[in-house]
PDB file of all heavy atoms in Angstrom:
ATOM      1  N   THR A   1      16.668  11.931  -2.881  1.00  0.00           N
ATOM      2  CA  THR A   1      17.654  12.673  -2.111  1.00  0.00           C
ATOM      3  C   THR A   1      18.768  11.827  -1.611  1.00  0.00           C
ATOM      4  O   THR A   1      19.974  12.161  -1.705  1.00  0.00           O
ATOM      5  CB  THR A   1      16.900  13.276  -0.831  1.00  0.00           C
ATOM      6  OG1 THR A   1      15.881  14.175  -1.266  1.00  0.00           O
ATOM      7  CG2 THR A   1      17.948  14.058  -0.024  1.00  0.00           C
ATOM      8  N   ARG A   2      18.506  10.633  -1.081  1.00  0.00           N
ATOM      9  CA  ARG A   2      19.504   9.706  -0.634  1.00  0.00           C
ATOM     10  C   ARG A   2      20.360   9.303  -1.855  1.00  0.00           C
ATOM     11  O   ARG A   2      21.631   9.201  -1.708  1.00  0.00           O
ATOM     12  CB  ARG A   2      18.903   8.406  -0.068  1.00  0.00           C
ATOM     13  CG  ARG A   2      18.301   8.619   1.348  1.00  0.00           C
ATOM     14  CD  ARG A   2      17.428   7.359   1.750  1.00  0.00           C
ATOM     15  NE  ARG A   2      16.829   7.524   3.112  1.00  0.00           N
ATOM     16  CZ  ARG A   2      15.846   6.779   3.443  1.00  0.00           C
ATOM     17  NH1 ARG A   2      15.353   5.788   2.691  1.00  0.00           N
ATOM     18  NH2 ARG A   2      15.373   7.008   4.690  1.00  0.00           N
ATOM     19  N   GLY A   3      19.752   9.039  -3.004  1.00  0.00           N
ATOM     20  CA  GLY A   3      20.506   8.603  -4.113  1.00  0.00           C
ATOM     21  C   GLY A   3      21.488   9.665  -4.607  1.00  0.00           C
ATOM     22  O   GLY A   3      22.689   9.302  -4.893  1.00  0.00           O
ATOM     23  N   LEU A   4      21.125  10.933  -4.632  1.00  0.00           N
ATOM     24  CA  LEU A   4      21.954  11.982  -5.020  1.00  0.00           C
ATOM     25  C   LEU A   4      23.091  12.257  -3.994  1.00  0.00           C
ATOM     26  O   LEU A   4      24.236  12.539  -4.343  1.00  0.00           O
ATOM     27  CB  LEU A   4      21.164  13.251  -5.245  1.00  0.00           C
ATOM     28  CG  LEU A   4      20.141  13.253  -6.368  1.00  0.00           C
ATOM     29  CD1 LEU A   4      19.342  14.527  -6.438  1.00  0.00           C
ATOM     30  CD2 LEU A   4      20.901  13.038  -7.756  1.00  0.00           C
ATOM     31  N   ILE A   5      22.732  12.164  -2.774  1.00  0.00           N
ATOM     32  CA  ILE A   5      23.719  12.308  -1.694  1.00  0.00           C
ATOM     33  C   ILE A   5      24.849  11.272  -1.765  1.00  0.00           C
ATOM     34  O   ILE A   5      26.025  11.534  -1.716  1.00  0.00           O
ATOM     35  CB  ILE A   5      23.075  12.339  -0.276  1.00  0.00           C
ATOM     36  CG1 ILE A   5      22.291  13.625  -0.123  1.00  0.00           C
ATOM     37  CG2 ILE A   5      24.186  12.192   0.820  1.00  0.00           C
ATOM     38  CD1 ILE A   5      21.475  13.657   1.196  1.00  0.00           C
ATOM     39  N   PHE A   6      24.453  10.025  -1.868  1.00  0.00           N
ATOM     40  CA  PHE A   6      25.429   8.922  -1.854  1.00  0.00           C
ATOM     41  C   PHE A   6      25.971   8.600  -3.207  1.00  0.00           C
ATOM     42  O   PHE A   6      26.872   7.720  -3.234  1.00  0.00           O
ATOM     43  CB  PHE A   6      24.765   7.649  -1.218  1.00  0.00           C
ATOM     44  CG  PHE A   6      24.507   7.816   0.254  1.00  0.00           C
ATOM     45  CD1 PHE A   6      23.135   7.905   0.749  1.00  0.00           C
ATOM     46  CD2 PHE A   6      25.490   7.801   1.163  1.00  0.00           C
ATOM     47  CE1 PHE A   6      22.907   8.056   2.077  1.00  0.00           C
ATOM     48  CE2 PHE A   6      25.294   7.949   2.494  1.00  0.00           C
ATOM     49  CZ  PHE A   6      23.977   8.109   3.013  1.00  0.00           C
ATOM     50  N   ALA A   7      25.542   9.281  -4.243  1.00  0.00           N
ATOM     51  CA  ALA A   7      26.214   9.030  -5.603  1.00  0.00           C
ATOM     52  C   ALA A   7      27.639   9.460  -5.565  1.00  0.00           C
ATOM     53  O   ALA A   7      28.504   8.824  -6.131  1.00  0.00           O
ATOM     54  CB  ALA A   7      25.428   9.882  -6.572  1.00  0.00           C
ATOM     55  N   LEU A   8      27.947  10.573  -4.874  1.00  0.00           N
ATOM     56  CA  LEU A   8      29.356  11.048  -4.860  1.00  0.00           C
ATOM     57  C   LEU A   8      30.340  10.053  -4.194  1.00  0.00           C
ATOM     58  O   LEU A   8      31.353   9.758  -4.772  1.00  0.00           O
ATOM     59  CB  LEU A   8      29.470  12.454  -4.179  1.00  0.00           C
ATOM     60  CG  LEU A   8      28.878  13.564  -5.011  1.00  0.00           C
ATOM     61  CD1 LEU A   8      28.889  14.861  -4.268  1.00  0.00           C
ATOM     62  CD2 LEU A   8      29.584  13.776  -6.354  1.00  0.00           C
ATOM     63  N   PRO A   9      30.012   9.625  -2.954  1.00  0.00           N
ATOM     64  CA  PRO A   9      30.961   8.598  -2.401  1.00  0.00           C
ATOM     65  C   PRO A   9      31.009   7.290  -3.260  1.00  0.00           C
ATOM     66  O   PRO A   9      32.048   6.611  -3.336  1.00  0.00           O
ATOM     67  CB  PRO A   9      30.440   8.402  -1.021  1.00  0.00           C
ATOM     68  CG  PRO A   9      29.070   8.910  -1.025  1.00  0.00           C
ATOM     69  CD  PRO A   9      29.035   9.960  -1.997  1.00  0.00           C
ATOM     70  N   THR A  10      29.880   6.962  -3.870  1.00  0.00           N
ATOM     71  CA  THR A  10      29.870   5.808  -4.703  1.00  0.00           C
ATOM     72  C   THR A  10      30.853   6.010  -5.928  1.00  0.00           C
ATOM     73  O   THR A  10      31.652   5.059  -6.291  1.00  0.00           O
ATOM     74  CB  THR A  10      28.480   5.502  -5.347  1.00  0.00           C
ATOM     75  OG1 THR A  10      27.598   5.242  -4.174  1.00  0.00           O
ATOM     76  CG2 THR A  10      28.465   4.310  -6.209  1.00  0.00           C
ATOM     77  N   MET A  11      30.722   7.141  -6.579  1.00  0.00           N
ATOM     78  CA  MET A  11      31.653   7.433  -7.684  1.00  0.00           C
ATOM     79  C   MET A  11      33.056   7.460  -7.282  1.00  0.00           C
ATOM     80  O   MET A  11      34.014   7.020  -8.074  1.00  0.00           O
ATOM     81  CB  MET A  11      31.263   8.721  -8.334  1.00  0.00           C
ATOM     82  CG  MET A  11      29.888   8.697  -8.951  1.00  0.00           C
ATOM     83  SD  MET A  11      29.273  10.300  -9.506  1.00  0.00           S
ATOM     84  CE  MET A  11      30.236  10.565 -10.942  1.00  0.00           C
ATOM     85  N   PHE A  12      33.424   7.909  -6.040  1.00  0.00           N
ATOM     86  CA  PHE A  12      34.733   7.928  -5.529  1.00  0.00           C
ATOM     87  C   PHE A  12      35.244   6.424  -5.485  1.00  0.00           C
ATOM     88  O   PHE A  12      36.343   6.130  -5.810  1.00  0.00           O
ATOM     89  CB  PHE A  12      34.827   8.624  -4.192  1.00  0.00           C
ATOM     90  CG  PHE A  12      36.193   8.567  -3.574  1.00  0.00           C
ATOM     91  CD1 PHE A  12      37.253   9.229  -4.113  1.00  0.00           C
ATOM     92  CD2 PHE A  12      36.304   7.821  -2.422  1.00  0.00           C
ATOM     93  CE1 PHE A  12      38.586   9.109  -3.456  1.00  0.00           C
ATOM     94  CE2 PHE A  12      37.583   7.755  -1.822  1.00  0.00           C
ATOM     95  CZ  PHE A  12      38.675   8.428  -2.277  1.00  0.00           C
ATOM     96  N   GLY A  13      34.362   5.592  -4.924  1.00  0.00           N
ATOM     97  CA  GLY A  13      34.706   4.216  -4.758  1.00  0.00           C
ATOM     98  C   GLY A  13      34.984   3.549  -6.117  1.00  0.00           C
ATOM     99  O   GLY A  13      35.936   2.768  -6.338  1.00  0.00           O
ATOM    100  N   VAL A  14      34.090   3.875  -7.089  1.00  0.00           N
ATOM    101  CA  VAL A  14      34.197   3.289  -8.465  1.00  0.00           C
ATOM    102  C   VAL A  14      35.567   3.664  -9.056  1.00  0.00           C
ATOM    103  O   VAL A  14      36.228   2.876  -9.696  1.00  0.00           O
ATOM    104  CB  VAL A  14      33.058   3.745  -9.322  1.00  0.00           C
ATOM    105  CG1 VAL A  14      33.329   3.370 -10.808  1.00  0.00           C
ATOM    106  CG2 VAL A  14      31.793   3.104  -8.874  1.00  0.00           C
ATOM    107  N   PHE A  15      35.925   4.964  -8.906  1.00  0.00           N
ATOM    108  CA  PHE A  15      37.193   5.434  -9.460  1.00  0.00           C
ATOM    109  C   PHE A  15      38.369   4.648  -8.808  1.00  0.00           C
ATOM    110  O   PHE A  15      39.280   4.215  -9.560  1.00  0.00           O
ATOM    111  CB  PHE A  15      37.431   6.980  -9.038  1.00  0.00           C
ATOM    112  CG  PHE A  15      38.734   7.480  -9.409  1.00  0.00           C
ATOM    113  CD1 PHE A  15      39.133   7.728 -10.730  1.00  0.00           C
ATOM    114  CD2 PHE A  15      39.687   7.652  -8.399  1.00  0.00           C
ATOM    115  CE1 PHE A  15      40.400   8.220 -11.083  1.00  0.00           C
ATOM    116  CE2 PHE A  15      40.948   8.109  -8.736  1.00  0.00           C
ATOM    117  CZ  PHE A  15      41.347   8.388 -10.073  1.00  0.00           C
ATOM    118  N   LEU A  16      38.405   4.390  -7.558  1.00  0.00           N
ATOM    119  CA  LEU A  16      39.407   3.619  -6.883  1.00  0.00           C
ATOM    120  C   LEU A  16      39.384   2.230  -7.432  1.00  0.00           C
ATOM    121  O   LEU A  16      40.460   1.630  -7.698  1.00  0.00           O
ATOM    122  CB  LEU A  16      39.194   3.584  -5.346  1.00  0.00           C
ATOM    123  CG  LEU A  16      39.386   4.964  -4.620  1.00  0.00           C
ATOM    124  CD1 LEU A  16      39.094   4.758  -3.163  1.00  0.00           C
ATOM    125  CD2 LEU A  16      40.693   5.572  -4.836  1.00  0.00           C
ATOM    126  N   GLY A  17      38.235   1.640  -7.601  1.00  0.00           N
ATOM    127  CA  GLY A  17      38.114   0.232  -8.075  1.00  0.00           C
ATOM    128  C   GLY A  17      38.618   0.148  -9.522  1.00  0.00           C
ATOM    129  O   GLY A  17      39.266  -0.908  -9.858  1.00  0.00           O
ATOM    130  N   GLN A  18      38.323   1.117 -10.367  1.00  0.00           N
ATOM    131  CA  GLN A  18      38.830   1.087 -11.746  1.00  0.00           C
ATOM    132  C   GLN A  18      40.408   1.046 -11.816  1.00  0.00           C
ATOM    133  O   GLN A  18      40.929   0.446 -12.694  1.00  0.00           O
ATOM    134  CB  GLN A  18      38.342   2.258 -12.560  1.00  0.00           C
ATOM    135  CG  GLN A  18      36.823   2.196 -12.818  1.00  0.00           C
ATOM    136  CD  GLN A  18      36.425   3.414 -13.551  1.00  0.00           C
ATOM    137  OE1 GLN A  18      36.609   4.595 -13.091  1.00  0.00           O
ATOM    138  NE2 GLN A  18      35.704   3.240 -14.650  1.00  0.00           N
ATOM    139  N   GLN A  19      41.009   1.625 -10.856  1.00  0.00           N
ATOM    140  CA  GLN A  19      42.481   1.675 -10.863  1.00  0.00           C
ATOM    141  C   GLN A  19      43.100   0.315 -10.509  1.00  0.00           C
ATOM    142  O   GLN A  19      44.199   0.004 -10.888  1.00  0.00           O
ATOM    143  CB  GLN A  19      43.022   2.648  -9.808  1.00  0.00           C
ATOM    144  CG  GLN A  19      42.402   4.078  -9.906  1.00  0.00           C
ATOM    145  CD  GLN A  19      42.399   4.644 -11.318  1.00  0.00           C
ATOM    146  OE1 GLN A  19      43.409   4.692 -11.990  1.00  0.00           O
ATOM    147  NE2 GLN A  19      41.198   4.988 -11.760  1.00  0.00           N
ATOM    148  N   LEU A  20      42.229  -0.604  -9.920  1.00  0.00           N
ATOM    149  CA  LEU A  20      42.690  -1.975  -9.616  1.00  0.00           C
ATOM    150  C   LEU A  20      42.511  -2.967 -10.764  1.00  0.00           C
ATOM    151  O   LEU A  20      43.029  -4.024 -10.724  1.00  0.00           O
ATOM    152  CB  LEU A  20      41.950  -2.446  -8.357  1.00  0.00           C
ATOM    153  CG  LEU A  20      42.156  -1.626  -7.090  1.00  0.00           C
ATOM    154  CD1 LEU A  20      41.180  -2.167  -5.957  1.00  0.00           C
ATOM    155  CD2 LEU A  20      43.602  -1.850  -6.588  1.00  0.00           C
ATOM    156  N   PHE A  21      41.665  -2.548 -11.726  1.00  0.00           N
ATOM    157  CA  PHE A  21      41.384  -3.501 -12.795  1.00  0.00           C
ATOM    158  C   PHE A  21      42.518  -3.487 -13.863  1.00  0.00           C
ATOM    159  O   PHE A  21      42.523  -2.836 -14.900  1.00  0.00           O
ATOM    160  CB  PHE A  21      40.039  -3.216 -13.446  1.00  0.00           C
ATOM    161  CG  PHE A  21      39.657  -4.288 -14.428  1.00  0.00           C
ATOM    162  CD1 PHE A  21      39.132  -5.463 -13.979  1.00  0.00           C
ATOM    163  CD2 PHE A  21      39.790  -4.110 -15.845  1.00  0.00           C
ATOM    164  CE1 PHE A  21      38.781  -6.510 -14.888  1.00  0.00           C
ATOM    165  CE2 PHE A  21      39.362  -5.141 -16.752  1.00  0.00           C
ATOM    166  CZ  PHE A  21      38.902  -6.295 -16.248  1.00  0.00           C
ATOM    167  N   VAL A  22      43.590  -4.297 -13.568  1.00  0.00           N
ATOM    168  CA  VAL A  22      44.688  -4.483 -14.409  1.00  0.00           C
ATOM    169  C   VAL A  22      44.824  -5.922 -14.721  1.00  0.00           C
ATOM    170  O   VAL A  22      44.245  -6.802 -13.997  1.00  0.00           O
ATOM    171  CB  VAL A  22      45.990  -3.900 -13.812  1.00  0.00           C
ATOM    172  CG1 VAL A  22      45.933  -2.438 -13.673  1.00  0.00           C
ATOM    173  CG2 VAL A  22      46.205  -4.592 -12.423  1.00  0.00           C
ATOM    174  N   GLU A  23      45.527  -6.298 -15.775  1.00  0.00           N
ATOM    175  CA  GLU A  23      45.532  -7.657 -16.241  1.00  0.00           C
ATOM    176  C   GLU A  23      45.928  -8.671 -15.115  1.00  0.00           C
ATOM    177  O   GLU A  23      45.459  -9.787 -15.124  1.00  0.00           O
ATOM    178  CB  GLU A  23      46.434  -7.757 -17.511  1.00  0.00           C
ATOM    179  CG  GLU A  23      45.850  -7.098 -18.724  1.00  0.00           C
ATOM    180  CD  GLU A  23      44.517  -7.724 -19.116  1.00  0.00           C
ATOM    181  OE1 GLU A  23      44.271  -9.007 -19.018  1.00  0.00           O
ATOM    182  OE2 GLU A  23      43.612  -6.986 -19.556  1.00  0.00           O
ATOM    183  N   ARG A  24      46.928  -8.261 -14.331  1.00  0.00           N
ATOM    184  CA  ARG A  24      47.447  -9.246 -13.373  1.00  0.00           C
ATOM    185  C   ARG A  24      46.414  -9.593 -12.316  1.00  0.00           C
ATOM    186  O   ARG A  24      46.572 -10.645 -11.619  1.00  0.00           O
ATOM    187  CB  ARG A  24      48.739  -8.821 -12.814  1.00  0.00           C
ATOM    188  CG  ARG A  24      48.635  -7.619 -11.921  1.00  0.00           C
ATOM    189  CD  ARG A  24      50.057  -7.296 -11.334  1.00  0.00           C
ATOM    190  NE  ARG A  24      50.064  -6.193 -10.267  1.00  0.00           N
ATOM    191  CZ  ARG A  24      50.162  -4.950 -10.600  1.00  0.00           C
ATOM    192  NH1 ARG A  24      50.233  -4.575 -11.892  1.00  0.00           N
ATOM    193  NH2 ARG A  24      50.162  -4.009  -9.650  1.00  0.00           N
ATOM    194  N   PHE A  25      45.437  -8.745 -12.142  1.00  0.00           N
ATOM    195  CA  PHE A  25      44.458  -9.016 -11.136  1.00  0.00           C
ATOM    196  C   PHE A  25      43.148  -9.596 -11.698  1.00  0.00           C
ATOM    197  O   PHE A  25      42.182  -9.915 -10.982  1.00  0.00           O
ATOM    198  CB  PHE A  25      44.053  -7.724 -10.353  1.00  0.00           C
ATOM    199  CG  PHE A  25      45.121  -7.259  -9.522  1.00  0.00           C
ATOM    200  CD1 PHE A  25      45.317  -5.848  -9.289  1.00  0.00           C
ATOM    201  CD2 PHE A  25      46.017  -8.075  -8.875  1.00  0.00           C
ATOM    202  CE1 PHE A  25      46.342  -5.364  -8.439  1.00  0.00           C
ATOM    203  CE2 PHE A  25      47.059  -7.627  -8.051  1.00  0.00           C
ATOM    204  CZ  PHE A  25      47.241  -6.294  -7.870  1.00  0.00           C
ATOM    205  N   ALA A  26      42.987  -9.666 -13.025  1.00  0.00           N
ATOM    206  CA  ALA A  26      41.758 -10.079 -13.696  1.00  0.00           C
ATOM    207  C   ALA A  26      41.274 -11.407 -13.222  1.00  0.00           C
ATOM    208  O   ALA A  26      40.013 -11.643 -13.136  1.00  0.00           O
ATOM    209  CB  ALA A  26      41.934 -10.009 -15.220  1.00  0.00           C
ATOM    210  N   ALA A  27      42.145 -12.340 -12.987  1.00  0.00           N
ATOM    211  CA  ALA A  27      41.770 -13.696 -12.676  1.00  0.00           C
ATOM    212  C   ALA A  27      41.176 -13.822 -11.233  1.00  0.00           C
ATOM    213  O   ALA A  27      40.560 -14.773 -10.880  1.00  0.00           O
ATOM    214  CB  ALA A  27      42.948 -14.618 -12.826  1.00  0.00           C
ATOM    215  N   TYR A  28      41.430 -12.763 -10.436  1.00  0.00           N
ATOM    216  CA  TYR A  28      41.000 -12.840  -9.024  1.00  0.00           C
ATOM    217  C   TYR A  28      39.677 -12.052  -8.707  1.00  0.00           C
ATOM    218  O   TYR A  28      39.166 -12.240  -7.639  1.00  0.00           O
ATOM    219  CB  TYR A  28      42.093 -12.257  -8.157  1.00  0.00           C
ATOM    220  CG  TYR A  28      43.381 -12.943  -8.269  1.00  0.00           C
ATOM    221  CD1 TYR A  28      44.477 -12.344  -8.976  1.00  0.00           C
ATOM    222  CD2 TYR A  28      43.631 -14.259  -7.791  1.00  0.00           C
ATOM    223  CE1 TYR A  28      45.697 -13.040  -9.135  1.00  0.00           C
ATOM    224  CE2 TYR A  28      44.857 -14.880  -8.009  1.00  0.00           C
ATOM    225  CZ  TYR A  28      45.880 -14.268  -8.622  1.00  0.00           C
ATOM    226  OH  TYR A  28      47.030 -14.944  -8.845  1.00  0.00           O
ATOM    227  N   TYR A  29      39.259 -11.267  -9.657  1.00  0.00           N
ATOM    228  CA  TYR A  29      38.147 -10.395  -9.320  1.00  0.00           C
ATOM    229  C   TYR A  29      36.882 -11.090  -9.047  1.00  0.00           C
ATOM    230  O   TYR A  29      36.071 -10.826  -8.071  1.00  0.00           O
ATOM    231  CB  TYR A  29      37.933  -9.314 -10.393  1.00  0.00           C
ATOM    232  CG  TYR A  29      36.977  -9.680 -11.537  1.00  0.00           C
ATOM    233  CD1 TYR A  29      35.616  -9.351 -11.490  1.00  0.00           C
ATOM    234  CD2 TYR A  29      37.495 -10.365 -12.612  1.00  0.00           C
ATOM    235  CE1 TYR A  29      34.804  -9.685 -12.506  1.00  0.00           C
ATOM    236  CE2 TYR A  29      36.590 -10.743 -13.667  1.00  0.00           C
ATOM    237  CZ  TYR A  29      35.286 -10.347 -13.606  1.00  0.00           C
ATOM    238  OH  TYR A  29      34.448 -10.649 -14.666  1.00  0.00           O
ATOM    239  N   ARG A  30      36.526 -12.202  -9.777  1.00  0.00           N
ATOM    240  CA  ARG A  30      35.264 -12.894  -9.615  1.00  0.00           C
ATOM    241  C   ARG A  30      35.235 -13.593  -8.205  1.00  0.00           C
ATOM    242  O   ARG A  30      34.266 -13.433  -7.457  1.00  0.00           O
ATOM    243  CB  ARG A  30      34.992 -13.892 -10.694  1.00  0.00           C
ATOM    244  CG  ARG A  30      33.656 -14.603 -10.525  1.00  0.00           C
ATOM    245  CD  ARG A  30      33.499 -15.698 -11.566  1.00  0.00           C
ATOM    246  NE  ARG A  30      33.387 -15.267 -12.948  1.00  0.00           N
ATOM    247  CZ  ARG A  30      34.095 -15.570 -13.934  1.00  0.00           C
ATOM    248  NH1 ARG A  30      35.096 -16.430 -13.744  1.00  0.00           N
ATOM    249  NH2 ARG A  30      33.873 -15.129 -15.118  1.00  0.00           N
ATOM    250  N   PRO A  31      36.246 -14.431  -7.899  1.00  0.00           N
ATOM    251  CA  PRO A  31      36.144 -15.082  -6.567  1.00  0.00           C
ATOM    252  C   PRO A  31      36.185 -14.127  -5.426  1.00  0.00           C
ATOM    253  O   PRO A  31      35.487 -14.375  -4.404  1.00  0.00           O
ATOM    254  CB  PRO A  31      37.397 -15.994  -6.532  1.00  0.00           C
ATOM    255  CG  PRO A  31      38.216 -15.577  -7.692  1.00  0.00           C
ATOM    256  CD  PRO A  31      37.298 -14.947  -8.708  1.00  0.00           C
ATOM    257  N   PHE A  32      36.898 -13.003  -5.492  1.00  0.00           N
ATOM    258  CA  PHE A  32      36.960 -11.969  -4.465  1.00  0.00           C
ATOM    259  C   PHE A  32      35.524 -11.460  -4.183  1.00  0.00           C
ATOM    260  O   PHE A  32      35.079 -11.426  -3.003  1.00  0.00           O
ATOM    261  CB  PHE A  32      37.852 -10.893  -4.867  1.00  0.00           C
ATOM    262  CG  PHE A  32      37.730  -9.753  -4.016  1.00  0.00           C
ATOM    263  CD1 PHE A  32      38.256  -9.562  -2.719  1.00  0.00           C
ATOM    264  CD2 PHE A  32      37.029  -8.526  -4.478  1.00  0.00           C
ATOM    265  CE1 PHE A  32      38.121  -8.507  -1.898  1.00  0.00           C
ATOM    266  CE2 PHE A  32      36.884  -7.433  -3.648  1.00  0.00           C
ATOM    267  CZ  PHE A  32      37.512  -7.428  -2.332  1.00  0.00           C
ATOM    268  N   CYS A  33      34.873 -11.037  -5.243  1.00  0.00           N
ATOM    269  CA  CYS A  33      33.485 -10.475  -5.067  1.00  0.00           C
ATOM    270  C   CYS A  33      32.521 -11.498  -4.486  1.00  0.00           C
ATOM    271  O   CYS A  33      31.651 -11.149  -3.606  1.00  0.00           O
ATOM    272  CB  CYS A  33      32.989  -9.951  -6.379  1.00  0.00           C
ATOM    273  SG  CYS A  33      33.888  -8.592  -7.104  1.00  0.00           S
ATOM    274  N   LEU A  34      32.576 -12.739  -4.981  1.00  0.00           N
ATOM    275  CA  LEU A  34      31.637 -13.749  -4.577  1.00  0.00           C
ATOM    276  C   LEU A  34      31.879 -14.178  -3.136  1.00  0.00           C
ATOM    277  O   LEU A  34      30.822 -14.427  -2.410  1.00  0.00           O
ATOM    278  CB  LEU A  34      31.656 -14.924  -5.532  1.00  0.00           C
ATOM    279  CG  LEU A  34      31.318 -14.629  -6.981  1.00  0.00           C
ATOM    280  CD1 LEU A  34      31.474 -15.874  -7.822  1.00  0.00           C
ATOM    281  CD2 LEU A  34      29.854 -14.154  -7.048  1.00  0.00           C
ATOM    282  N   VAL A  35      33.077 -14.310  -2.716  1.00  0.00           N
ATOM    283  CA  VAL A  35      33.351 -14.651  -1.283  1.00  0.00           C
ATOM    284  C   VAL A  35      32.729 -13.528  -0.391  1.00  0.00           C
ATOM    285  O   VAL A  35      32.185 -13.791   0.648  1.00  0.00           O
ATOM    286  CB  VAL A  35      34.806 -14.926  -1.129  1.00  0.00           C
ATOM    287  CG1 VAL A  35      35.046 -14.981   0.422  1.00  0.00           C
ATOM    288  CG2 VAL A  35      35.237 -16.212  -1.794  1.00  0.00           C
TER     289      VAL A  35
END
């Protein structure tokens, strides 16, 4: 139940994150996540 409920906001977040994955940001994604 929790998984199905929170899948929708998760997918919304993933959609937003995909829009940020462009070449000029590629070098920054790893350190950002790890910090």
